[in-house]
PDB file of all heavy atoms in Angstrom:
ATOM      1  N   THR A   1       0.876  -1.161   0.000  1.00  0.00           N
ATOM      2  CA  THR A   1       0.000   0.000   0.000  1.00  0.00           C
ATOM      3  C   THR A   1       0.918   1.217   0.000  1.00  0.00           C
ATOM      4  O   THR A   1       2.080   1.127   0.381  1.00  0.00           O
ATOM      5  CB  THR A   1      -0.923   0.049   1.235  1.00  0.00           C
ATOM      6  OG1 THR A   1      -0.124   0.061   2.419  1.00  0.00           O
ATOM      7  CG2 THR A   1      -1.879  -1.129   1.252  1.00  0.00           C
ATOM      8  N   CYS A   2       0.380   2.344  -0.415  1.00  0.00           N
ATOM      9  CA  CYS A   2       1.183   3.549  -0.542  1.00  0.00           C
ATOM     10  C   CYS A   2       0.337   4.748  -0.137  1.00  0.00           C
ATOM     11  O   CYS A   2      -0.883   4.746  -0.341  1.00  0.00           O
ATOM     12  CB  CYS A   2       1.652   3.677  -1.993  1.00  0.00           C
ATOM     13  SG  CYS A   2       2.534   5.195  -2.387  1.00  0.00           S
ATOM     14  N   ASN A   3       0.984   5.757   0.408  1.00  0.00           N
ATOM     15  CA  ASN A   3       0.255   6.951   0.827  1.00  0.00           C
ATOM     16  C   ASN A   3       0.534   8.154  -0.067  1.00  0.00           C
ATOM     17  O   ASN A   3       0.314   9.295   0.339  1.00  0.00           O
ATOM     18  CB  ASN A   3       0.564   7.287   2.288  1.00  0.00           C
ATOM     19  CG  ASN A   3       2.018   7.653   2.505  1.00  0.00           C
ATOM     20  OD1 ASN A   3       2.851   7.520   1.616  1.00  0.00           O
ATOM     21  ND2 ASN A   3       2.339   8.092   3.715  1.00  0.00           N
ATOM     22  N   CYS A   4       1.001   7.924  -1.303  1.00  0.00           N
ATOM     23  CA  CYS A   4       1.186   9.052  -2.217  1.00  0.00           C
ATOM     24  C   CYS A   4      -0.192   9.637  -2.536  1.00  0.00           C
ATOM     25  O   CYS A   4      -1.228   9.046  -2.223  1.00  0.00           O
ATOM     26  CB  CYS A   4       1.907   8.632  -3.501  1.00  0.00           C
ATOM     27  SG  CYS A   4       0.890   7.729  -4.696  1.00  0.00           S
ATOM     28  N   SER A   5      -0.198  10.799  -3.154  1.00  0.00           N
ATOM     29  CA  SER A   5      -1.469  11.495  -3.379  1.00  0.00           C
ATOM     30  C   SER A   5      -2.454  10.686  -4.206  1.00  0.00           C
ATOM     31  O   SER A   5      -3.661  10.785  -4.011  1.00  0.00           O
ATOM     32  CB  SER A   5      -1.217  12.847  -4.045  1.00  0.00           C
ATOM     33  OG  SER A   5      -0.598  12.682  -5.313  1.00  0.00           O
ATOM     34  N   ARG A   6      -1.981   9.850  -5.110  1.00  0.00           N
ATOM     35  CA  ARG A   6      -2.887   9.048  -5.943  1.00  0.00           C
ATOM     36  C   ARG A   6      -3.338   7.770  -5.216  1.00  0.00           C
ATOM     37  O   ARG A   6      -4.518   7.495  -5.118  1.00  0.00           O
ATOM     38  CB  ARG A   6      -2.225   8.692  -7.264  1.00  0.00           C
ATOM     39  CG  ARG A   6      -3.170   7.920  -8.192  1.00  0.00           C
ATOM     40  CD  ARG A   6      -2.851   8.156  -9.634  1.00  0.00           C
ATOM     41  NE  ARG A   6      -3.793   7.465 -10.482  1.00  0.00           N
ATOM     42  CZ  ARG A   6      -4.937   7.978 -10.904  1.00  0.00           C
ATOM     43  NH1 ARG A   6      -5.282   9.189 -10.534  1.00  0.00           N
ATOM     44  NH2 ARG A   6      -5.730   7.293 -11.696  1.00  0.00           N
ATOM     45  N   CYS A   7      -2.391   6.994  -4.735  1.00  0.00           N
ATOM     46  CA  CYS A   7      -2.729   5.720  -4.075  1.00  0.00           C
ATOM     47  C   CYS A   7      -3.618   5.928  -2.860  1.00  0.00           C
ATOM     48  O   CYS A   7      -4.535   5.152  -2.608  1.00  0.00           O
ATOM     49  CB  CYS A   7      -1.461   4.973  -3.679  1.00  0.00           C
ATOM     50  SG  CYS A   7      -0.489   4.367  -5.073  1.00  0.00           S
ATOM     51  N   GLN A   8      -3.341   6.972  -2.091  1.00  0.00           N
ATOM     52  CA  GLN A   8      -4.140   7.270  -0.902  1.00  0.00           C
ATOM     53  C   GLN A   8      -5.604   7.478  -1.280  1.00  0.00           C
ATOM     54  O   GLN A   8      -6.506   6.958  -0.649  1.00  0.00           O
ATOM     55  CB  GLN A   8      -3.589   8.515  -0.200  1.00  0.00           C
ATOM     56  CG  GLN A   8      -4.320   8.875   1.072  1.00  0.00           C
ATOM     57  CD  GLN A   8      -4.004   7.922   2.208  1.00  0.00           C
ATOM     58  OE1 GLN A   8      -2.932   7.333   2.259  1.00  0.00           O
ATOM     59  NE2 GLN A   8      -4.922   7.770   3.116  1.00  0.00           N
ATOM     60  N   ARG A   9      -5.836   8.248  -2.332  1.00  0.00           N
ATOM     61  CA  ARG A   9      -7.210   8.535  -2.761  1.00  0.00           C
ATOM     62  C   ARG A   9      -7.907   7.310  -3.349  1.00  0.00           C
ATOM     63  O   ARG A   9      -9.106   7.146  -3.202  1.00  0.00           O
ATOM     64  CB  ARG A   9      -7.212   9.671  -3.775  1.00  0.00           C
ATOM     65  CG  ARG A   9      -6.968  11.020  -3.123  1.00  0.00           C
ATOM     66  CD  ARG A   9      -6.737  12.107  -4.180  1.00  0.00           C
ATOM     67  NE  ARG A   9      -6.657  13.427  -3.591  1.00  0.00           N
ATOM     68  CZ  ARG A   9      -5.581  13.936  -3.006  1.00  0.00           C
ATOM     69  NH1 ARG A   9      -4.472  13.196  -2.910  1.00  0.00           N
ATOM     70  NH2 ARG A   9      -5.598  15.145  -2.510  1.00  0.00           N
ATOM     71  N   LEU A  10      -7.131   6.462  -4.042  1.00  0.00           N
ATOM     72  CA  LEU A  10      -7.726   5.287  -4.679  1.00  0.00           C
ATOM     73  C   LEU A  10      -7.874   4.097  -3.736  1.00  0.00           C
ATOM     74  O   LEU A  10      -8.630   3.177  -4.029  1.00  0.00           O
ATOM     75  CB  LEU A  10      -6.886   4.867  -5.893  1.00  0.00           C
ATOM     76  CG  LEU A  10      -6.931   5.819  -7.082  1.00  0.00           C
ATOM     77  CD1 LEU A  10      -5.912   5.395  -8.135  1.00  0.00           C
ATOM     78  CD2 LEU A  10      -8.319   5.847  -7.687  1.00  0.00           C
ATOM     79  N   GLY A  11      -7.131   4.090  -2.637  1.00  0.00           N
ATOM     80  CA  GLY A  11      -7.172   2.944  -1.736  1.00  0.00           C
ATOM     81  C   GLY A  11      -6.549   1.704  -2.342  1.00  0.00           C
ATOM     82  O   GLY A  11      -6.947   0.583  -2.057  1.00  0.00           O
ATOM     83  N   TRP A  12      -5.556   1.918  -3.165  1.00  0.00           N
ATOM     84  CA  TRP A  12      -4.899   0.815  -3.860  1.00  0.00           C
ATOM     85  C   TRP A  12      -4.243  -0.171  -2.907  1.00  0.00           C
ATOM     86  O   TRP A  12      -3.657   0.207  -1.897  1.00  0.00           O
ATOM     87  CB  TRP A  12      -3.776   1.360  -4.738  1.00  0.00           C
ATOM     88  CG  TRP A  12      -4.146   1.795  -6.106  1.00  0.00           C
ATOM     89  CD1 TRP A  12      -5.052   2.746  -6.440  1.00  0.00           C
ATOM     90  CD2 TRP A  12      -3.579   1.339  -7.319  1.00  0.00           C
ATOM     91  NE1 TRP A  12      -5.076   2.911  -7.793  1.00  0.00           N
ATOM     92  CE2 TRP A  12      -4.170   2.052  -8.351  1.00  0.00           C
ATOM     93  CE3 TRP A  12      -2.607   0.399  -7.637  1.00  0.00           C
ATOM     94  CZ2 TRP A  12      -3.847   1.851  -9.688  1.00  0.00           C
ATOM     95  CZ3 TRP A  12      -2.289   0.208  -8.960  1.00  0.00           C
ATOM     96  CH2 TRP A  12      -2.909   0.915  -9.973  1.00  0.00           C
ATOM     97  N   VAL A  13      -4.315  -1.435  -3.257  1.00  0.00           N
ATOM     98  CA  VAL A  13      -3.425  -2.478  -2.772  1.00  0.00           C
ATOM     99  C   VAL A  13      -2.749  -2.947  -4.047  1.00  0.00           C
ATOM    100  O   VAL A  13      -3.422  -3.349  -4.999  1.00  0.00           O
ATOM    101  CB  VAL A  13      -4.179  -3.628  -2.076  1.00  0.00           C
ATOM    102  CG1 VAL A  13      -3.211  -4.728  -1.678  1.00  0.00           C
ATOM    103  CG2 VAL A  13      -4.948  -3.108  -0.870  1.00  0.00           C
ATOM    104  N   LEU A  14      -1.440  -2.847  -4.107  1.00  0.00           N
ATOM    105  CA  LEU A  14      -0.695  -3.088  -5.337  1.00  0.00           C
ATOM    106  C   LEU A  14       0.179  -4.314  -5.254  1.00  0.00           C
ATOM    107  O   LEU A  14       0.687  -4.660  -4.185  1.00  0.00           O
ATOM    108  CB  LEU A  14       0.239  -1.902  -5.626  1.00  0.00           C
ATOM    109  CG  LEU A  14      -0.389  -0.558  -5.823  1.00  0.00           C
ATOM    110  CD1 LEU A  14       0.657   0.531  -5.695  1.00  0.00           C
ATOM    111  CD2 LEU A  14      -1.041  -0.503  -7.178  1.00  0.00           C
ATOM    112  N   THR A  15       0.378  -4.932  -6.400  1.00  0.00           N
ATOM    113  CA  THR A  15       1.447  -5.896  -6.546  1.00  0.00           C
ATOM    114  C   THR A  15       2.145  -5.564  -7.849  1.00  0.00           C
ATOM    115  O   THR A  15       1.498  -5.144  -8.814  1.00  0.00           O
ATOM    116  CB  THR A  15       0.951  -7.355  -6.514  1.00  0.00           C
ATOM    117  OG1 THR A  15       2.082  -8.228  -6.412  1.00  0.00           O
ATOM    118  CG2 THR A  15       0.105  -7.717  -7.707  1.00  0.00           C
ATOM    119  N   PHE A  16       3.452  -5.671  -7.853  1.00  0.00           N
ATOM    120  CA  PHE A  16       4.243  -5.330  -9.025  1.00  0.00           C
ATOM    121  C   PHE A  16       4.736  -6.609  -9.681  1.00  0.00           C
ATOM    122  O   PHE A  16       5.231  -7.507  -9.005  1.00  0.00           O
ATOM    123  CB  PHE A  16       5.425  -4.444  -8.633  1.00  0.00           C
ATOM    124  CG  PHE A  16       4.993  -3.098  -8.133  1.00  0.00           C
ATOM    125  CD1 PHE A  16       4.703  -2.899  -6.791  1.00  0.00           C
ATOM    126  CD2 PHE A  16       4.859  -2.032  -9.009  1.00  0.00           C
ATOM    127  CE1 PHE A  16       4.292  -1.662  -6.326  1.00  0.00           C
ATOM    128  CE2 PHE A  16       4.442  -0.787  -8.551  1.00  0.00           C
ATOM    129  CZ  PHE A  16       4.164  -0.605  -7.210  1.00  0.00           C
ATOM    130  N   VAL A  17       4.595  -6.664 -11.008  1.00  0.00           N
ATOM    131  CA  VAL A  17       5.019  -7.841 -11.763  1.00  0.00           C
ATOM    132  C   VAL A  17       5.797  -7.394 -12.995  1.00  0.00           C
ATOM    133  O   VAL A  17       5.573  -6.292 -13.511  1.00  0.00           O
ATOM    134  CB  VAL A  17       3.814  -8.718 -12.198  1.00  0.00           C
ATOM    135  CG1 VAL A  17       3.038  -9.221 -10.985  1.00  0.00           C
ATOM    136  CG2 VAL A  17       2.905  -7.988 -13.159  1.00  0.00           C
ATOM    137  N   PRO A  18       6.687  -8.247 -13.492  1.00  0.00           N
ATOM    138  CA  PRO A  18       7.331  -7.947 -14.773  1.00  0.00           C
ATOM    139  C   PRO A  18       6.263  -7.893 -15.869  1.00  0.00           C
ATOM    140  O   PRO A  18       5.247  -8.603 -15.804  1.00  0.00           O
ATOM    141  CB  PRO A  18       8.276  -9.122 -15.000  1.00  0.00           C
ATOM    142  CG  PRO A  18       8.402  -9.793 -13.677  1.00  0.00           C
ATOM    143  CD  PRO A  18       7.154  -9.501 -12.916  1.00  0.00           C
ATOM    144  N   LYS A  19       6.469  -7.062 -16.862  1.00  0.00           N
ATOM    145  CA  LYS A  19       5.476  -6.915 -17.933  1.00  0.00           C
ATOM    146  C   LYS A  19       5.168  -8.253 -18.606  1.00  0.00           C
ATOM    147  O   LYS A  19       4.043  -8.493 -19.029  1.00  0.00           O
ATOM    148  CB  LYS A  19       5.944  -5.888 -18.959  1.00  0.00           C
ATOM    149  CG  LYS A  19       4.842  -5.481 -19.905  1.00  0.00           C
ATOM    150  CD  LYS A  19       5.205  -4.292 -20.734  1.00  0.00           C
ATOM    151  CE  LYS A  19       4.026  -3.921 -21.619  1.00  0.00           C
ATOM    152  NZ  LYS A  19       4.343  -2.793 -22.484  1.00  0.00           N
ATOM    153  N   ALA A  20       6.146  -9.156 -18.669  1.00  0.00           N
ATOM    154  CA  ALA A  20       5.950 -10.462 -19.297  1.00  0.00           C
ATOM    155  C   ALA A  20       4.943 -11.329 -18.534  1.00  0.00           C
ATOM    156  O   ALA A  20       4.396 -12.283 -19.088  1.00  0.00           O
ATOM    157  CB  ALA A  20       7.278 -11.196 -19.419  1.00  0.00           C
ATOM    158  N   ALA A  21       4.672 -11.010 -17.258  1.00  0.00           N
ATOM    159  CA  ALA A  21       3.733 -11.785 -16.445  1.00  0.00           C
ATOM    160  C   ALA A  21       2.305 -11.250 -16.547  1.00  0.00           C
ATOM    161  O   ALA A  21       1.405 -11.765 -15.894  1.00  0.00           O
ATOM    162  CB  ALA A  21       4.174 -11.787 -14.987  1.00  0.00           C
ATOM    163  N   PHE A  22       2.088 -10.236 -17.376  1.00  0.00           N
ATOM    164  CA  PHE A  22       0.799  -9.552 -17.490  1.00  0.00           C
ATOM    165  C   PHE A  22       0.342  -9.578 -18.939  1.00  0.00           C
ATOM    166  O   PHE A  22       1.101  -9.238 -19.841  1.00  0.00           O
ATOM    167  CB  PHE A  22       0.971  -8.095 -17.040  1.00  0.00           C
ATOM    168  CG  PHE A  22      -0.257  -7.253 -17.138  1.00  0.00           C
ATOM    169  CD1 PHE A  22      -1.164  -7.197 -16.094  1.00  0.00           C
ATOM    170  CD2 PHE A  22      -0.500  -6.490 -18.272  1.00  0.00           C
ATOM    171  CE1 PHE A  22      -2.295  -6.393 -16.184  1.00  0.00           C
ATOM    172  CE2 PHE A  22      -1.613  -5.684 -18.371  1.00  0.00           C
ATOM    173  CZ  PHE A  22      -2.523  -5.644 -17.320  1.00  0.00           C
ATOM    174  N   THR A  23      -0.921  -9.995 -19.169  1.00  0.00           N
ATOM    175  CA  THR A  23      -1.474 -10.033 -20.520  1.00  0.00           C
ATOM    176  C   THR A  23      -2.871  -9.449 -20.529  1.00  0.00           C
ATOM    177  O   THR A  23      -3.733  -9.883 -19.755  1.00  0.00           O
ATOM    178  CB  THR A  23      -1.551 -11.492 -21.047  1.00  0.00           C
ATOM    179  OG1 THR A  23      -0.257 -12.079 -20.984  1.00  0.00           O
ATOM    180  CG2 THR A  23      -2.072 -11.539 -22.468  1.00  0.00           C
ATOM    181  N   LEU A  24      -3.093  -8.465 -21.386  1.00  0.00           N
ATOM    182  CA  LEU A  24      -4.450  -7.948 -21.578  1.00  0.00           C
ATOM    183  C   LEU A  24      -5.247  -8.976 -22.358  1.00  0.00           C
ATOM    184  O   LEU A  24      -4.797  -9.466 -23.392  1.00  0.00           O
ATOM    185  CB  LEU A  24      -4.415  -6.628 -22.354  1.00  0.00           C
ATOM    186  CG  LEU A  24      -3.999  -5.410 -21.583  1.00  0.00           C
ATOM    187  CD1 LEU A  24      -3.819  -4.212 -22.514  1.00  0.00           C
ATOM    188  CD2 LEU A  24      -5.030  -5.071 -20.517  1.00  0.00           C
ATOM    189  N   THR A  25      -6.425  -9.334 -21.859  1.00  0.00           N
ATOM    190  CA  THR A  25      -7.296 -10.269 -22.575  1.00  0.00           C
ATOM    191  C   THR A  25      -8.475  -9.550 -23.216  1.00  0.00           C
ATOM    192  O   THR A  25      -9.123 -10.094 -24.099  1.00  0.00           O
ATOM    193  CB  THR A  25      -7.816 -11.374 -21.628  1.00  0.00           C
ATOM    194  OG1 THR A  25      -8.491 -10.765 -20.523  1.00  0.00           O
ATOM    195  CG2 THR A  25      -6.663 -12.242 -21.132  1.00  0.00           C
ATOM    196  N   LYS A  26      -8.745  -8.352 -22.735  1.00  0.00           N
ATOM    197  CA  LYS A  26      -9.775  -7.502 -23.330  1.00  0.00           C
ATOM    198  C   LYS A  26      -9.232  -6.084 -23.293  1.00  0.00           C
ATOM    199  O   LYS A  26      -9.134  -5.478 -22.233  1.00  0.00           O
ATOM    200  CB  LYS A  26     -11.094  -7.620 -22.578  1.00  0.00           C
ATOM    201  CG  LYS A  26     -12.248  -7.009 -23.329  1.00  0.00           C
ATOM    202  CD  LYS A  26     -13.573  -7.456 -22.756  1.00  0.00           C
ATOM    203  CE  LYS A  26     -14.692  -6.856 -23.579  1.00  0.00           C
ATOM    204  NZ  LYS A  26     -15.970  -7.049 -22.921  1.00  0.00           N
ATOM    205  N   ASP A  27      -8.855  -5.605 -24.445  1.00  0.00           N
ATOM    206  CA  ASP A  27      -8.145  -4.334 -24.559  1.00  0.00           C
ATOM    207  C   ASP A  27      -9.109  -3.218 -24.946  1.00  0.00           C
ATOM    208  O   ASP A  27      -9.034  -2.656 -26.026  1.00  0.00           O
ATOM    209  CB  ASP A  27      -7.029  -4.477 -25.594  1.00  0.00           C
ATOM    210  CG  ASP A  27      -6.033  -3.344 -25.547  1.00  0.00           C
ATOM    211  OD1 ASP A  27      -6.139  -2.503 -24.645  1.00  0.00           O
ATOM    212  OD2 ASP A  27      -5.151  -3.312 -26.420  1.00  0.00           O
ATOM    213  N   GLY A  28     -10.018  -2.909 -24.019  1.00  0.00           N
ATOM    214  CA  GLY A  28     -10.962  -1.831 -24.256  1.00  0.00           C
ATOM    215  C   GLY A  28     -10.262  -0.496 -24.187  1.00  0.00           C
ATOM    216  O   GLY A  28      -9.058  -0.418 -23.948  1.00  0.00           O
ATOM    217  N   PRO A  29     -10.988   0.567 -24.364  1.00  0.00           N
ATOM    218  CA  PRO A  29     -10.349   1.879 -24.310  1.00  0.00           C
ATOM    219  C   PRO A  29      -9.846   2.175 -22.902  1.00  0.00           C
ATOM    220  O   PRO A  29     -10.442   1.742 -21.921  1.00  0.00           O
ATOM    221  CB  PRO A  29     -11.476   2.841 -24.688  1.00  0.00           C
ATOM    222  CG  PRO A  29     -12.728   2.126 -24.293  1.00  0.00           C
ATOM    223  CD  PRO A  29     -12.440   0.657 -24.518  1.00  0.00           C
ATOM    224  N   VAL A  30      -8.731   2.846 -22.824  1.00  0.00           N
ATOM    225  CA  VAL A  30      -8.204   3.313 -21.545  1.00  0.00           C
ATOM    226  C   VAL A  30      -7.796   4.768 -21.691  1.00  0.00           C
ATOM    227  O   VAL A  30      -7.489   5.239 -22.786  1.00  0.00           O
ATOM    228  CB  VAL A  30      -7.002   2.481 -21.033  1.00  0.00           C
ATOM    229  CG1 VAL A  30      -7.399   1.076 -20.668  1.00  0.00           C
ATOM    230  CG2 VAL A  30      -5.872   2.491 -22.028  1.00  0.00           C
ATOM    231  N   THR A  31      -7.819   5.465 -20.595  1.00  0.00           N
ATOM    232  CA  THR A  31      -7.327   6.824 -20.532  1.00  0.00           C
ATOM    233  C   THR A  31      -6.062   6.807 -19.692  1.00  0.00           C
ATOM    234  O   THR A  31      -5.996   6.113 -18.681  1.00  0.00           O
ATOM    235  CB  THR A  31      -8.385   7.757 -19.902  1.00  0.00           C
ATOM    236  OG1 THR A  31      -9.554   7.715 -20.713  1.00  0.00           O
ATOM    237  CG2 THR A  31      -7.883   9.177 -19.813  1.00  0.00           C
ATOM    238  N   GLU A  32      -5.067   7.547 -20.140  1.00  0.00           N
ATOM    239  CA  GLU A  32      -3.792   7.575 -19.426  1.00  0.00           C
ATOM    240  C   GLU A  32      -3.709   8.825 -18.556  1.00  0.00           C
ATOM    241  O   GLU A  32      -4.139   9.904 -18.955  1.00  0.00           O
ATOM    242  CB  GLU A  32      -2.637   7.579 -20.415  1.00  0.00           C
ATOM    243  CG  GLU A  32      -1.290   7.633 -19.732  1.00  0.00           C
ATOM    244  CD  GLU A  32      -0.145   7.788 -20.711  1.00  0.00           C
ATOM    245  OE1 GLU A  32      -0.237   8.633 -21.628  1.00  0.00           O
ATOM    246  OE2 GLU A  32       0.843   7.064 -20.542  1.00  0.00           O
ATOM    247  N   TYR A  33      -3.127   8.646 -17.370  1.00  0.00           N
ATOM    248  CA  TYR A  33      -2.869   9.763 -16.482  1.00  0.00           C
ATOM    249  C   TYR A  33      -1.452   9.639 -15.959  1.00  0.00           C
ATOM    250  O   TYR A  33      -1.031   8.578 -15.518  1.00  0.00           O
ATOM    251  CB  TYR A  33      -3.861   9.765 -15.307  1.00  0.00           C
ATOM    252  CG  TYR A  33      -3.604  10.849 -14.306  1.00  0.00           C
ATOM    253  CD1 TYR A  33      -3.749  12.184 -14.649  1.00  0.00           C
ATOM    254  CD2 TYR A  33      -3.200  10.555 -13.016  1.00  0.00           C
ATOM    255  CE1 TYR A  33      -3.506  13.199 -13.731  1.00  0.00           C
ATOM    256  CE2 TYR A  33      -2.963  11.552 -12.081  1.00  0.00           C
ATOM    257  CZ  TYR A  33      -3.112  12.877 -12.450  1.00  0.00           C
ATOM    258  OH  TYR A  33      -2.870  13.876 -11.538  1.00  0.00           O
ATOM    259  N   ARG A  34      -0.689  10.726 -16.031  1.00  0.00           N
ATOM    260  CA  ARG A  34       0.669  10.781 -15.492  1.00  0.00           C
ATOM    261  C   ARG A  34       0.749  11.971 -14.558  1.00  0.00           C
ATOM    262  O   ARG A  34       0.162  13.008 -14.826  1.00  0.00           O
ATOM    263  CB  ARG A  34       1.702  10.924 -16.600  1.00  0.00           C
ATOM    264  CG  ARG A  34       1.823   9.676 -17.464  1.00  0.00           C
ATOM    265  CD  ARG A  34       2.849   9.893 -18.563  1.00  0.00           C
ATOM    266  NE  ARG A  34       2.950   8.723 -19.398  1.00  0.00           N
ATOM    267  CZ  ARG A  34       3.942   7.839 -19.347  1.00  0.00           C
ATOM    268  NH1 ARG A  34       4.938   8.001 -18.494  1.00  0.00           N
ATOM    269  NH2 ARG A  34       3.964   6.799 -20.146  1.00  0.00           N
ATOM    270  N   PHE A  35       1.472  11.819 -13.455  1.00  0.00           N
ATOM    271  CA  PHE A  35       1.635  12.933 -12.528  1.00  0.00           C
ATOM    272  C   PHE A  35       3.022  12.880 -11.910  1.00  0.00           C
ATOM    273  O   PHE A  35       3.799  11.969 -12.186  1.00  0.00           O
ATOM    274  CB  PHE A  35       0.532  12.922 -11.451  1.00  0.00           C
ATOM    275  CG  PHE A  35       0.689  11.861 -10.390  1.00  0.00           C
ATOM    276  CD1 PHE A  35       1.126  12.193  -9.128  1.00  0.00           C
ATOM    277  CD2 PHE A  35       0.386  10.542 -10.659  1.00  0.00           C
ATOM    278  CE1 PHE A  35       1.263  11.224  -8.145  1.00  0.00           C
ATOM    279  CE2 PHE A  35       0.523   9.567  -9.690  1.00  0.00           C
ATOM    280  CZ  PHE A  35       0.959   9.912  -8.430  1.00  0.00           C
TER     281      PHE A  35
END
């Protein structure tokens, strides 16, 4: 968990994986946000 301004607001519980361990199975539209 993280208390940065974004994670705190979202209530994220995160796990980090190498990109090779992640596959989109339904690639609908997404909006990107960077801060």
